[in-house]
Amino acid sequence: MSDGVKHKRSKVSALAADGVLNPAPEKVGDPKFQENGFFDPRDIVQVKYEMLRRVSVDKMSVTEVSDEYGVSRPTFYQAKADFEDAGLAGLVPRKRGPRGPHKIQGDVLAFLKAQVEPGEPIRARALANQLRTEFGLDIHPRTIERALGVKKTA
C-alpha cells in the first residue's frame, strides 16, 4: 500500500473470498433485500437465514418463501437441516466434491504406509505401479502423495 494508505476491500470481494457470495442475488424478491440497507441479497448466509426466519417466525409457507427467495423447496429444506445441525455456520456453503482421498482407504492406505520408510522420499510413481499390480487400482501419483500427507512443492 503506497503512502501508508490502506485500501479497504469491497464487500463483494470479501463475500467472494469467504465463499458466501450469492451466485443469484437478482432472484431474491423479498422487499427488505431491495432497499440497499442492512439486508444484502449478495450475502448468501444472510439470505438463507432470513428465508428460514420467514417460515419459522412469520409463518409463511415454504412454497411462498422458496418463490420469494428464488430457491427450490429442496434447497430450503437443506438450508433448514444445515441450520438445525450447525447453527449459523451451517448456512455457509461447503466445497463440493469428495472430502478426502476416496480411492485410498483401509487396506490400500495401510499398504501404502507400509511401503514408505520414515525419512525416505516417497516414490509415488513406483507406489502407483505397485497399487495397480496388488489391487488393480489406477491411482495418480499425486493422489498417493496427498493420502500420505506430502506437501506439493512449487
N, C-alpha and C. Protein backbone atom coordinates (compact mmCIF):
# COMPACT_ATOMS: atom_id res chain seq x y z
N MET A 1 0.83 -1.17 0.00
CA MET A 1 0.00 0.00 0.00
C MET A 1 0.89 1.24 0.00
N SER A 2 0.67 2.09 -0.92
CA SER A 2 1.51 3.26 -1.06
C SER A 2 1.09 4.37 -0.12
N ASP A 3 2.05 5.14 0.32
CA ASP A 3 1.85 6.31 1.16
C ASP A 3 1.08 6.00 2.45
N GLY A 4 1.18 4.80 2.93
CA GLY A 4 0.55 4.44 4.19
C GLY A 4 -0.97 4.38 4.12
N VAL A 5 -1.54 4.44 2.94
CA VAL A 5 -2.99 4.39 2.79
C VAL A 5 -3.40 2.92 2.62
N LYS A 6 -4.33 2.50 3.45
CA LYS A 6 -4.84 1.14 3.34
C LYS A 6 -6.09 1.16 2.48
N HIS A 7 -6.15 0.23 1.54
CA HIS A 7 -7.32 0.12 0.67
C HIS A 7 -8.25 -0.91 1.27
N LYS A 8 -9.48 -0.50 1.55
CA LYS A 8 -10.48 -1.40 2.09
C LYS A 8 -11.06 -2.21 0.93
N ARG A 9 -11.09 -3.52 1.09
CA ARG A 9 -11.65 -4.32 0.01
C ARG A 9 -13.17 -4.18 0.02
N SER A 10 -13.75 -4.32 -1.13
CA SER A 10 -15.20 -4.15 -1.25
C SER A 10 -15.92 -5.32 -0.57
N LYS A 11 -17.16 -5.08 -0.24
CA LYS A 11 -17.95 -6.13 0.40
C LYS A 11 -18.10 -7.32 -0.53
N VAL A 12 -18.29 -7.06 -1.82
CA VAL A 12 -18.44 -8.15 -2.79
C VAL A 12 -17.18 -9.01 -2.82
N SER A 13 -16.01 -8.38 -2.83
CA SER A 13 -14.78 -9.18 -2.87
C SER A 13 -14.58 -9.93 -1.56
N ALA A 14 -15.01 -9.34 -0.44
CA ALA A 14 -14.91 -10.03 0.86
C ALA A 14 -15.85 -11.24 0.87
N LEU A 15 -17.06 -11.06 0.39
CA LEU A 15 -18.01 -12.17 0.35
C LEU A 15 -17.49 -13.29 -0.56
N ALA A 16 -16.94 -12.91 -1.70
CA ALA A 16 -16.41 -13.90 -2.63
C ALA A 16 -15.23 -14.65 -2.02
N ALA A 17 -14.34 -13.91 -1.36
CA ALA A 17 -13.16 -14.54 -0.75
C ALA A 17 -13.56 -15.51 0.35
N ASP A 18 -14.65 -15.21 1.06
CA ASP A 18 -15.11 -16.08 2.14
C ASP A 18 -16.04 -17.19 1.66
N GLY A 19 -16.33 -17.20 0.35
CA GLY A 19 -17.17 -18.25 -0.22
C GLY A 19 -18.64 -18.09 0.08
N VAL A 20 -19.10 -16.87 0.41
CA VAL A 20 -20.50 -16.66 0.75
C VAL A 20 -21.19 -15.66 -0.17
N LEU A 21 -20.66 -15.47 -1.36
CA LEU A 21 -21.27 -14.58 -2.34
C LEU A 21 -22.42 -15.32 -3.02
N ASN A 22 -23.60 -14.77 -2.94
CA ASN A 22 -24.78 -15.37 -3.56
C ASN A 22 -24.62 -15.35 -5.07
N PRO A 23 -24.67 -16.51 -5.74
CA PRO A 23 -24.49 -16.54 -7.18
C PRO A 23 -25.67 -15.94 -7.96
N ALA A 24 -26.83 -15.78 -7.30
CA ALA A 24 -28.00 -15.25 -7.99
C ALA A 24 -28.76 -14.26 -7.10
N PRO A 25 -28.14 -13.13 -6.75
CA PRO A 25 -28.82 -12.17 -5.87
C PRO A 25 -30.07 -11.56 -6.50
N GLU A 26 -30.13 -11.55 -7.82
CA GLU A 26 -31.29 -10.96 -8.50
C GLU A 26 -32.56 -11.78 -8.30
N LYS A 27 -32.43 -13.03 -7.86
CA LYS A 27 -33.60 -13.89 -7.63
C LYS A 27 -34.28 -13.61 -6.30
N VAL A 28 -33.61 -12.90 -5.40
CA VAL A 28 -34.17 -12.60 -4.08
C VAL A 28 -35.20 -11.49 -4.25
N GLY A 29 -36.48 -11.83 -4.03
CA GLY A 29 -37.55 -10.88 -4.25
C GLY A 29 -38.08 -10.22 -2.99
N ASP A 30 -37.60 -10.62 -1.83
CA ASP A 30 -38.06 -10.02 -0.58
C ASP A 30 -37.75 -8.52 -0.60
N PRO A 31 -38.76 -7.65 -0.41
CA PRO A 31 -38.54 -6.19 -0.47
C PRO A 31 -37.43 -5.68 0.45
N LYS A 32 -37.23 -6.34 1.59
CA LYS A 32 -36.17 -5.89 2.51
C LYS A 32 -34.81 -5.93 1.84
N PHE A 33 -34.62 -6.87 0.93
CA PHE A 33 -33.34 -7.03 0.26
C PHE A 33 -33.17 -6.10 -0.94
N GLN A 34 -34.20 -5.31 -1.24
CA GLN A 34 -34.13 -4.41 -2.38
C GLN A 34 -33.81 -2.97 -1.95
N GLU A 35 -33.74 -2.71 -0.65
CA GLU A 35 -33.60 -1.35 -0.13
C GLU A 35 -32.16 -0.85 0.00
N ASN A 36 -31.16 -1.67 -0.32
CA ASN A 36 -29.75 -1.30 -0.18
C ASN A 36 -29.38 -0.87 1.23
N GLY A 37 -29.98 -1.50 2.19
CA GLY A 37 -29.69 -1.18 3.58
C GLY A 37 -28.98 -2.34 4.26
N PHE A 38 -29.51 -2.73 5.39
CA PHE A 38 -28.92 -3.80 6.18
C PHE A 38 -28.95 -5.14 5.45
N PHE A 39 -30.04 -5.43 4.78
CA PHE A 39 -30.21 -6.71 4.09
C PHE A 39 -29.53 -6.66 2.73
N ASP A 40 -28.64 -7.62 2.48
CA ASP A 40 -27.86 -7.64 1.25
C ASP A 40 -28.10 -8.95 0.50
N PRO A 41 -28.74 -8.90 -0.68
CA PRO A 41 -29.02 -10.13 -1.41
C PRO A 41 -27.76 -10.84 -1.91
N ARG A 42 -26.61 -10.18 -1.85
CA ARG A 42 -25.36 -10.82 -2.29
C ARG A 42 -24.77 -11.71 -1.20
N ASP A 43 -25.25 -11.59 0.05
CA ASP A 43 -24.74 -12.37 1.18
C ASP A 43 -25.61 -13.61 1.35
N ILE A 44 -25.15 -14.75 0.88
CA ILE A 44 -25.95 -15.97 0.86
C ILE A 44 -26.32 -16.45 2.27
N VAL A 45 -25.45 -16.23 3.24
CA VAL A 45 -25.76 -16.64 4.61
C VAL A 45 -26.93 -15.81 5.15
N GLN A 46 -26.89 -14.51 4.92
CA GLN A 46 -27.97 -13.64 5.38
C GLN A 46 -29.28 -13.99 4.66
N VAL A 47 -29.21 -14.27 3.38
CA VAL A 47 -30.39 -14.62 2.61
C VAL A 47 -31.00 -15.92 3.14
N LYS A 48 -30.17 -16.93 3.36
CA LYS A 48 -30.69 -18.21 3.86
C LYS A 48 -31.30 -18.06 5.25
N TYR A 49 -30.62 -17.30 6.11
CA TYR A 49 -31.13 -17.11 7.48
C TYR A 49 -32.49 -16.42 7.45
N GLU A 50 -32.60 -15.35 6.67
CA GLU A 50 -33.87 -14.62 6.60
C GLU A 50 -34.96 -15.49 5.98
N MET A 51 -34.59 -16.31 5.02
CA MET A 51 -35.54 -17.22 4.41
C MET A 51 -36.10 -18.19 5.46
N LEU A 52 -35.22 -18.74 6.29
CA LEU A 52 -35.65 -19.66 7.35
C LEU A 52 -36.50 -18.93 8.38
N ARG A 53 -36.12 -17.70 8.71
CA ARG A 53 -36.86 -16.92 9.69
C ARG A 53 -38.28 -16.61 9.20
N ARG A 54 -38.41 -16.36 7.90
CA ARG A 54 -39.73 -16.04 7.35
C ARG A 54 -40.70 -17.20 7.56
N VAL A 55 -40.22 -18.43 7.45
CA VAL A 55 -41.08 -19.59 7.66
C VAL A 55 -41.31 -19.82 9.15
N SER A 56 -40.24 -19.76 9.93
CA SER A 56 -40.32 -20.07 11.35
C SER A 56 -41.07 -19.01 12.16
N VAL A 57 -40.77 -17.75 11.93
CA VAL A 57 -41.34 -16.67 12.74
C VAL A 57 -42.55 -16.02 12.08
N ASP A 58 -42.43 -15.70 10.80
CA ASP A 58 -43.53 -15.02 10.10
C ASP A 58 -44.60 -15.99 9.61
N LYS A 59 -44.35 -17.29 9.76
CA LYS A 59 -45.30 -18.35 9.42
C LYS A 59 -45.71 -18.35 7.95
N MET A 60 -44.77 -17.97 7.07
CA MET A 60 -45.04 -18.09 5.64
C MET A 60 -44.87 -19.55 5.24
N SER A 61 -45.46 -19.93 4.13
CA SER A 61 -45.31 -21.31 3.67
C SER A 61 -43.94 -21.48 3.00
N VAL A 62 -43.46 -22.69 3.00
CA VAL A 62 -42.18 -23.00 2.35
C VAL A 62 -42.25 -22.67 0.87
N THR A 63 -43.38 -22.95 0.24
CA THR A 63 -43.54 -22.65 -1.18
C THR A 63 -43.44 -21.16 -1.44
N GLU A 64 -44.12 -20.35 -0.62
CA GLU A 64 -44.06 -18.89 -0.80
C GLU A 64 -42.64 -18.37 -0.63
N VAL A 65 -41.99 -18.83 0.41
CA VAL A 65 -40.63 -18.36 0.70
C VAL A 65 -39.67 -18.82 -0.39
N SER A 66 -39.82 -20.05 -0.85
CA SER A 66 -38.95 -20.55 -1.91
C SER A 66 -39.09 -19.70 -3.17
N ASP A 67 -40.33 -19.34 -3.50
CA ASP A 67 -40.56 -18.48 -4.66
C ASP A 67 -39.96 -17.09 -4.44
N GLU A 68 -40.17 -16.53 -3.25
CA GLU A 68 -39.71 -15.18 -2.96
C GLU A 68 -38.17 -15.07 -2.94
N TYR A 69 -37.52 -16.16 -2.53
CA TYR A 69 -36.06 -16.13 -2.43
C TYR A 69 -35.36 -16.79 -3.61
N GLY A 70 -36.14 -17.26 -4.56
CA GLY A 70 -35.57 -17.81 -5.78
C GLY A 70 -34.81 -19.11 -5.61
N VAL A 71 -35.29 -19.95 -4.68
CA VAL A 71 -34.65 -21.25 -4.45
C VAL A 71 -35.70 -22.35 -4.57
N SER A 72 -35.24 -23.56 -4.75
CA SER A 72 -36.16 -24.69 -4.79
C SER A 72 -36.54 -25.09 -3.36
N ARG A 73 -37.63 -25.84 -3.23
CA ARG A 73 -38.01 -26.31 -1.90
C ARG A 73 -36.95 -27.25 -1.32
N PRO A 74 -36.35 -28.15 -2.13
CA PRO A 74 -35.27 -28.96 -1.56
C PRO A 74 -34.10 -28.12 -1.04
N THR A 75 -33.80 -27.01 -1.71
CA THR A 75 -32.74 -26.12 -1.24
C THR A 75 -33.14 -25.51 0.11
N PHE A 76 -34.41 -25.13 0.25
CA PHE A 76 -34.89 -24.60 1.53
C PHE A 76 -34.70 -25.64 2.63
N TYR A 77 -35.16 -26.87 2.37
CA TYR A 77 -35.08 -27.91 3.40
C TYR A 77 -33.64 -28.28 3.73
N GLN A 78 -32.74 -28.21 2.75
CA GLN A 78 -31.33 -28.46 3.03
C GLN A 78 -30.77 -27.37 3.94
N ALA A 79 -31.12 -26.11 3.66
CA ALA A 79 -30.68 -24.99 4.50
C ALA A 79 -31.22 -25.15 5.92
N LYS A 80 -32.47 -25.57 6.03
CA LYS A 80 -33.08 -25.78 7.34
C LYS A 80 -32.33 -26.86 8.12
N ALA A 81 -32.05 -27.97 7.45
CA ALA A 81 -31.32 -29.07 8.11
C ALA A 81 -29.91 -28.63 8.51
N ASP A 82 -29.24 -27.90 7.62
CA ASP A 82 -27.89 -27.42 7.91
C ASP A 82 -27.90 -26.48 9.12
N PHE A 83 -28.91 -25.61 9.19
CA PHE A 83 -29.04 -24.67 10.31
C PHE A 83 -29.33 -25.41 11.61
N GLU A 84 -30.20 -26.41 11.55
CA GLU A 84 -30.53 -27.19 12.74
C GLU A 84 -29.33 -27.98 13.23
N ASP A 85 -28.48 -28.43 12.31
CA ASP A 85 -27.30 -29.21 12.68
C ASP A 85 -26.16 -28.35 13.23
N ALA A 86 -25.93 -27.18 12.61
CA ALA A 86 -24.72 -26.41 12.94
C ALA A 86 -24.96 -24.93 13.20
N GLY A 87 -26.20 -24.50 13.31
CA GLY A 87 -26.47 -23.09 13.54
C GLY A 87 -26.09 -22.26 12.33
N LEU A 88 -25.74 -21.01 12.58
CA LEU A 88 -25.42 -20.09 11.50
C LEU A 88 -24.28 -20.59 10.63
N ALA A 89 -23.29 -21.25 11.24
CA ALA A 89 -22.16 -21.79 10.47
C ALA A 89 -22.61 -22.83 9.46
N GLY A 90 -23.73 -23.49 9.71
CA GLY A 90 -24.25 -24.48 8.78
C GLY A 90 -24.76 -23.87 7.48
N LEU A 91 -25.02 -22.56 7.49
CA LEU A 91 -25.51 -21.88 6.29
C LEU A 91 -24.40 -21.45 5.36
N VAL A 92 -23.15 -21.55 5.82
CA VAL A 92 -22.01 -21.21 4.97
C VAL A 92 -21.83 -22.34 3.96
N PRO A 93 -21.81 -22.02 2.67
CA PRO A 93 -21.66 -23.08 1.66
C PRO A 93 -20.37 -23.88 1.86
N ARG A 94 -20.50 -25.18 1.63
CA ARG A 94 -19.34 -26.08 1.72
C ARG A 94 -18.81 -26.33 0.33
N LYS A 95 -17.54 -26.70 0.27
CA LYS A 95 -16.97 -27.09 -1.01
C LYS A 95 -17.67 -28.35 -1.50
N ARG A 96 -17.87 -28.41 -2.79
CA ARG A 96 -18.49 -29.57 -3.39
C ARG A 96 -17.44 -30.63 -3.69
N GLY A 97 -17.90 -31.84 -3.88
CA GLY A 97 -17.00 -32.91 -4.29
C GLY A 97 -16.47 -33.72 -3.12
N PRO A 98 -15.58 -34.64 -3.42
CA PRO A 98 -15.04 -35.51 -2.38
C PRO A 98 -14.32 -34.72 -1.30
N ARG A 99 -14.41 -35.19 -0.07
CA ARG A 99 -13.78 -34.50 1.05
C ARG A 99 -12.57 -35.26 1.57
N GLY A 100 -11.91 -35.94 0.69
CA GLY A 100 -10.73 -36.69 1.09
C GLY A 100 -10.40 -37.71 0.03
N PRO A 101 -9.34 -38.42 0.24
CA PRO A 101 -8.95 -39.43 -0.75
C PRO A 101 -9.92 -40.60 -0.71
N HIS A 102 -10.88 -40.64 -1.64
CA HIS A 102 -11.91 -41.66 -1.60
C HIS A 102 -11.46 -42.99 -2.19
N LYS A 103 -10.42 -43.01 -3.00
CA LYS A 103 -9.93 -44.27 -3.55
C LYS A 103 -8.95 -44.94 -2.59
N ILE A 104 -8.33 -44.15 -1.74
CA ILE A 104 -7.28 -44.67 -0.88
C ILE A 104 -7.78 -44.71 0.56
N GLN A 105 -8.28 -45.88 0.95
CA GLN A 105 -8.78 -46.08 2.30
C GLN A 105 -8.43 -47.49 2.75
N GLY A 106 -8.58 -47.76 4.00
CA GLY A 106 -8.45 -49.09 4.55
C GLY A 106 -7.18 -49.82 4.17
N ASP A 107 -7.35 -50.97 3.51
CA ASP A 107 -6.22 -51.84 3.15
C ASP A 107 -5.23 -51.14 2.23
N VAL A 108 -5.75 -50.33 1.30
CA VAL A 108 -4.87 -49.65 0.34
C VAL A 108 -3.98 -48.66 1.07
N LEU A 109 -4.57 -47.87 1.98
CA LEU A 109 -3.78 -46.90 2.73
C LEU A 109 -2.76 -47.60 3.63
N ALA A 110 -3.17 -48.68 4.26
CA ALA A 110 -2.25 -49.44 5.11
C ALA A 110 -1.08 -49.99 4.28
N PHE A 111 -1.39 -50.47 3.09
CA PHE A 111 -0.35 -50.97 2.19
C PHE A 111 0.64 -49.87 1.84
N LEU A 112 0.12 -48.70 1.47
CA LEU A 112 1.00 -47.57 1.11
C LEU A 112 1.89 -47.18 2.29
N LYS A 113 1.30 -47.08 3.47
CA LYS A 113 2.09 -46.67 4.65
C LYS A 113 3.18 -47.69 4.96
N ALA A 114 2.90 -48.96 4.70
CA ALA A 114 3.89 -50.00 4.96
C ALA A 114 5.06 -49.91 3.98
N GLN A 115 4.82 -49.35 2.80
CA GLN A 115 5.87 -49.26 1.77
C GLN A 115 6.81 -48.08 2.00
N VAL A 116 6.38 -47.13 2.81
CA VAL A 116 7.15 -45.89 3.00
C VAL A 116 8.08 -46.03 4.19
N GLU A 117 9.34 -45.72 3.96
CA GLU A 117 10.33 -45.73 5.03
C GLU A 117 10.41 -44.33 5.63
N PRO A 118 10.33 -44.19 6.94
CA PRO A 118 10.43 -42.86 7.56
C PRO A 118 11.74 -42.17 7.18
N GLY A 119 11.64 -40.92 6.80
CA GLY A 119 12.81 -40.14 6.43
C GLY A 119 13.24 -40.30 4.98
N GLU A 120 12.67 -41.28 4.30
CA GLU A 120 13.00 -41.51 2.90
C GLU A 120 11.96 -40.82 2.02
N PRO A 121 12.38 -40.39 0.82
CA PRO A 121 11.39 -39.77 -0.08
C PRO A 121 10.36 -40.79 -0.55
N ILE A 122 9.17 -40.30 -0.79
CA ILE A 122 8.09 -41.16 -1.28
C ILE A 122 8.21 -41.28 -2.79
N ARG A 123 8.24 -42.47 -3.28
CA ARG A 123 8.32 -42.75 -4.72
C ARG A 123 6.91 -43.04 -5.21
N ALA A 124 6.16 -41.98 -5.43
CA ALA A 124 4.73 -42.12 -5.75
C ALA A 124 4.48 -42.88 -7.05
N ARG A 125 5.33 -42.67 -8.05
CA ARG A 125 5.12 -43.39 -9.32
C ARG A 125 5.30 -44.90 -9.12
N ALA A 126 6.31 -45.27 -8.36
CA ALA A 126 6.54 -46.69 -8.09
C ALA A 126 5.38 -47.25 -7.26
N LEU A 127 4.89 -46.46 -6.30
CA LEU A 127 3.77 -46.92 -5.49
C LEU A 127 2.50 -47.08 -6.34
N ALA A 128 2.31 -46.17 -7.30
CA ALA A 128 1.16 -46.27 -8.20
C ALA A 128 1.22 -47.58 -8.99
N ASN A 129 2.41 -47.95 -9.44
CA ASN A 129 2.58 -49.22 -10.17
C ASN A 129 2.29 -50.41 -9.26
N GLN A 130 2.76 -50.33 -8.00
CA GLN A 130 2.51 -51.42 -7.05
C GLN A 130 1.01 -51.57 -6.78
N LEU A 131 0.29 -50.43 -6.65
CA LEU A 131 -1.15 -50.49 -6.41
C LEU A 131 -1.88 -51.12 -7.60
N ARG A 132 -1.40 -50.80 -8.79
CA ARG A 132 -2.01 -51.37 -9.99
C ARG A 132 -1.85 -52.90 -9.97
N THR A 133 -0.65 -53.37 -9.59
CA THR A 133 -0.36 -54.81 -9.55
C THR A 133 -1.11 -55.50 -8.40
N GLU A 134 -1.02 -54.93 -7.19
CA GLU A 134 -1.58 -55.55 -5.98
C GLU A 134 -3.10 -55.50 -5.91
N PHE A 135 -3.67 -54.31 -6.24
CA PHE A 135 -5.10 -54.09 -6.02
C PHE A 135 -5.90 -53.85 -7.31
N GLY A 136 -5.21 -53.72 -8.43
CA GLY A 136 -5.91 -53.43 -9.68
C GLY A 136 -6.45 -52.01 -9.74
N LEU A 137 -5.87 -51.10 -8.95
CA LEU A 137 -6.31 -49.71 -8.91
C LEU A 137 -5.37 -48.82 -9.71
N ASP A 138 -5.96 -47.92 -10.48
CA ASP A 138 -5.17 -46.95 -11.24
C ASP A 138 -5.28 -45.61 -10.52
N ILE A 139 -4.29 -45.29 -9.71
CA ILE A 139 -4.31 -44.08 -8.89
C ILE A 139 -3.14 -43.19 -9.27
N HIS A 140 -3.45 -41.92 -9.45
CA HIS A 140 -2.43 -40.94 -9.83
C HIS A 140 -1.40 -40.77 -8.70
N PRO A 141 -0.13 -40.62 -9.05
CA PRO A 141 0.90 -40.44 -8.02
C PRO A 141 0.63 -39.27 -7.07
N ARG A 142 0.07 -38.17 -7.57
CA ARG A 142 -0.22 -37.04 -6.69
C ARG A 142 -1.30 -37.39 -5.67
N THR A 143 -2.25 -38.23 -6.04
CA THR A 143 -3.27 -38.69 -5.11
C THR A 143 -2.63 -39.49 -3.99
N ILE A 144 -1.65 -40.29 -4.33
CA ILE A 144 -0.91 -41.08 -3.33
C ILE A 144 -0.16 -40.14 -2.38
N GLU A 145 0.49 -39.13 -2.95
CA GLU A 145 1.21 -38.16 -2.10
C GLU A 145 0.27 -37.46 -1.14
N ARG A 146 -0.90 -37.04 -1.64
CA ARG A 146 -1.87 -36.36 -0.77
C ARG A 146 -2.34 -37.29 0.34
N ALA A 147 -2.61 -38.55 0.01
CA ALA A 147 -3.09 -39.50 1.01
C ALA A 147 -2.04 -39.73 2.10
N LEU A 148 -0.78 -39.63 1.71
CA LEU A 148 0.30 -39.83 2.67
C LEU A 148 0.75 -38.53 3.34
N GLY A 149 0.05 -37.43 3.02
CA GLY A 149 0.33 -36.16 3.68
C GLY A 149 1.55 -35.42 3.16
N VAL A 150 1.94 -35.66 1.92
CA VAL A 150 3.11 -34.99 1.35
C VAL A 150 2.67 -33.66 0.76
N LYS A 151 3.33 -32.59 1.14
CA LYS A 151 3.03 -31.27 0.60
C LYS A 151 3.69 -31.12 -0.76
N LYS A 152 2.92 -30.53 -1.69
CA LYS A 152 3.46 -30.29 -3.03
C LYS A 152 4.38 -29.07 -2.96
N THR A 153 5.54 -29.18 -3.57
CA THR A 153 6.47 -28.05 -3.60
C THR A 153 6.44 -27.42 -4.97
N ALA A 154 6.29 -26.08 -4.96
CA ALA A 154 6.23 -25.26 -6.17
C ALA A 154 5.80 -26.07 -7.30
